[in-house]
Amino acid sequence: MQQGDSDSQPGANLFLSLISGIQAPVIMMSQNRQEERDRLRAEQDYEVNLKAEIEIGRLHAKVDELREKDWSHLLDIQRQQLQLLLQQAELLSIRRVDQPPPER
């Protein structure tokens, strides 16, 4: 019976084979186009990532430069503060020498 069923519809088998024969190239072309889009997207992602990496490197260099400038500026301020403290200490010691000792 089963053999008779498949033999009784030879047109259906031919039709399905014909559809499969037409679908296969269309599916392959669609896959190829999708692969091309994926490849282009991957290339664009790579370029964007590369540009971002370069820009991040530039920003790091700028931050390092600013930090170095700030550090030297802070050291200059600290030197000035130390000089002022030494001057104040010197003035205080001169005043103490000139003044008589406090009475108890």
Protein backbone atom coordinates (compact mmCIF):
# COMPACT_ATOMS: atom_id res chain seq x y z
CA MET A 1 0.00 0.00 0.00
CA GLN A 2 2.69 2.45 0.90
CA GLN A 3 4.53 1.76 -2.30
CA GLY A 4 1.35 2.32 -4.23
CA ASP A 5 0.75 5.67 -2.47
CA SER A 6 4.09 7.11 -3.54
CA ASP A 7 3.69 5.75 -7.06
CA SER A 8 0.19 7.15 -7.37
CA GLN A 9 1.43 10.73 -6.87
CA PRO A 10 4.50 11.06 -9.12
CA GLY A 11 3.55 14.64 -9.87
CA ALA A 12 3.80 15.55 -6.16
CA ASN A 13 7.31 14.14 -5.92
CA LEU A 14 8.32 15.97 -9.09
CA PHE A 15 6.78 19.19 -7.77
CA LEU A 16 8.58 18.90 -4.40
CA SER A 17 11.88 18.17 -6.17
CA LEU A 18 11.36 21.17 -8.43
CA ILE A 19 10.60 23.43 -5.43
CA SER A 20 13.69 22.14 -3.61
CA GLY A 21 15.79 22.76 -6.69
CA ILE A 22 14.56 26.37 -6.86
CA GLN A 23 14.77 27.02 -3.13
CA ALA A 24 18.34 25.81 -2.67
CA PRO A 25 20.04 28.53 -4.77
CA VAL A 26 17.78 31.22 -3.30
CA ILE A 27 18.63 30.11 0.23
CA MET A 28 22.34 30.00 -0.61
CA MET A 29 22.23 33.50 -2.13
CA SER A 30 20.43 34.77 0.97
CA GLN A 31 23.06 33.17 3.20
CA ASN A 32 25.86 34.69 1.11
CA ARG A 33 24.30 38.15 1.39
CA GLN A 34 23.93 37.71 5.15
CA GLU A 35 27.56 36.61 5.41
CA GLU A 36 28.62 39.70 3.44
CA ARG A 37 26.59 41.97 5.76
CA ASP A 38 28.08 40.24 8.79
CA ARG A 39 31.60 40.66 7.38
CA LEU A 40 31.00 44.37 6.70
CA ARG A 41 29.55 44.85 10.17
CA ALA A 42 32.57 43.09 11.71
CA GLU A 43 34.95 45.33 9.73
CA GLN A 44 33.06 48.44 10.86
CA ASP A 45 33.11 47.24 14.47
CA TYR A 46 36.86 46.65 14.22
CA GLU A 47 37.44 50.16 12.82
CA VAL A 48 35.28 51.75 15.51
CA ASN A 49 37.07 49.78 18.24
CA LEU A 50 40.47 50.73 16.81
CA LYS A 51 39.54 54.43 16.70
CA ALA A 52 38.19 54.23 20.25
CA GLU A 53 41.39 52.55 21.45
CA ILE A 54 43.52 55.26 19.82
CA GLU A 55 41.37 58.02 21.34
CA ILE A 56 41.53 56.39 24.78
CA GLY A 57 45.33 56.30 24.47
CA ARG A 58 45.37 60.01 23.62
CA LEU A 59 43.14 60.79 26.58
CA HIS A 60 45.42 58.80 28.89
CA ALA A 61 48.40 60.78 27.63
CA LYS A 62 46.56 64.08 28.22
CA VAL A 63 45.53 63.05 31.73
CA ASP A 64 49.11 62.00 32.50
CA GLU A 65 50.41 65.32 31.20
CA LEU A 66 47.90 67.27 33.28
CA ARG A 67 48.71 65.19 36.34
CA GLU A 68 52.42 65.88 35.86
CA LYS A 69 51.78 69.63 35.53
CA ASP A 70 49.55 69.60 38.61
CA TRP A 71 52.15 67.63 40.55
CA SER A 72 54.92 70.11 39.78
CA HIS A 73 52.56 73.01 40.58
CA LEU A 74 51.68 71.41 43.93
CA LEU A 75 55.37 70.95 44.71
CA ASP A 76 55.98 74.65 43.97
CA ILE A 77 53.15 75.61 46.30
CA GLN A 78 54.54 73.32 49.00
CA ARG A 79 58.00 74.93 48.67
CA GLN A 80 56.44 78.38 49.04
CA GLN A 81 54.52 77.22 52.11
CA LEU A 82 57.70 75.81 53.65
CA GLN A 83 59.51 79.10 53.00
CA LEU A 84 56.69 81.04 54.64
CA LEU A 85 56.71 78.69 57.63
CA LEU A 86 60.45 79.09 58.00
CA GLN A 87 60.10 82.86 57.81
CA GLN A 88 57.36 82.76 60.45
CA ALA A 89 59.47 80.55 62.70
CA GLU A 90 62.42 82.89 62.25
CA LEU A 91 60.30 85.92 63.14
CA LEU A 92 58.94 84.17 66.22
CA SER A 93 62.40 83.20 67.41
CA ILE A 94 63.65 86.79 66.95
CA ARG A 95 60.69 88.14 68.92
CA ARG A 96 61.31 85.69 71.72
CA VAL A 97 64.94 86.71 71.94
CA ASP A 98 64.02 90.42 72.07
CA GLN A 99 61.27 89.98 74.63
CA PRO A 100 62.02 89.33 78.24
CA PRO A 101 60.91 85.95 79.54
CA PRO A 102 57.36 85.94 80.86
CA GLU A 103 56.94 86.29 84.64
CA ARG A 104 55.47 83.44 86.55
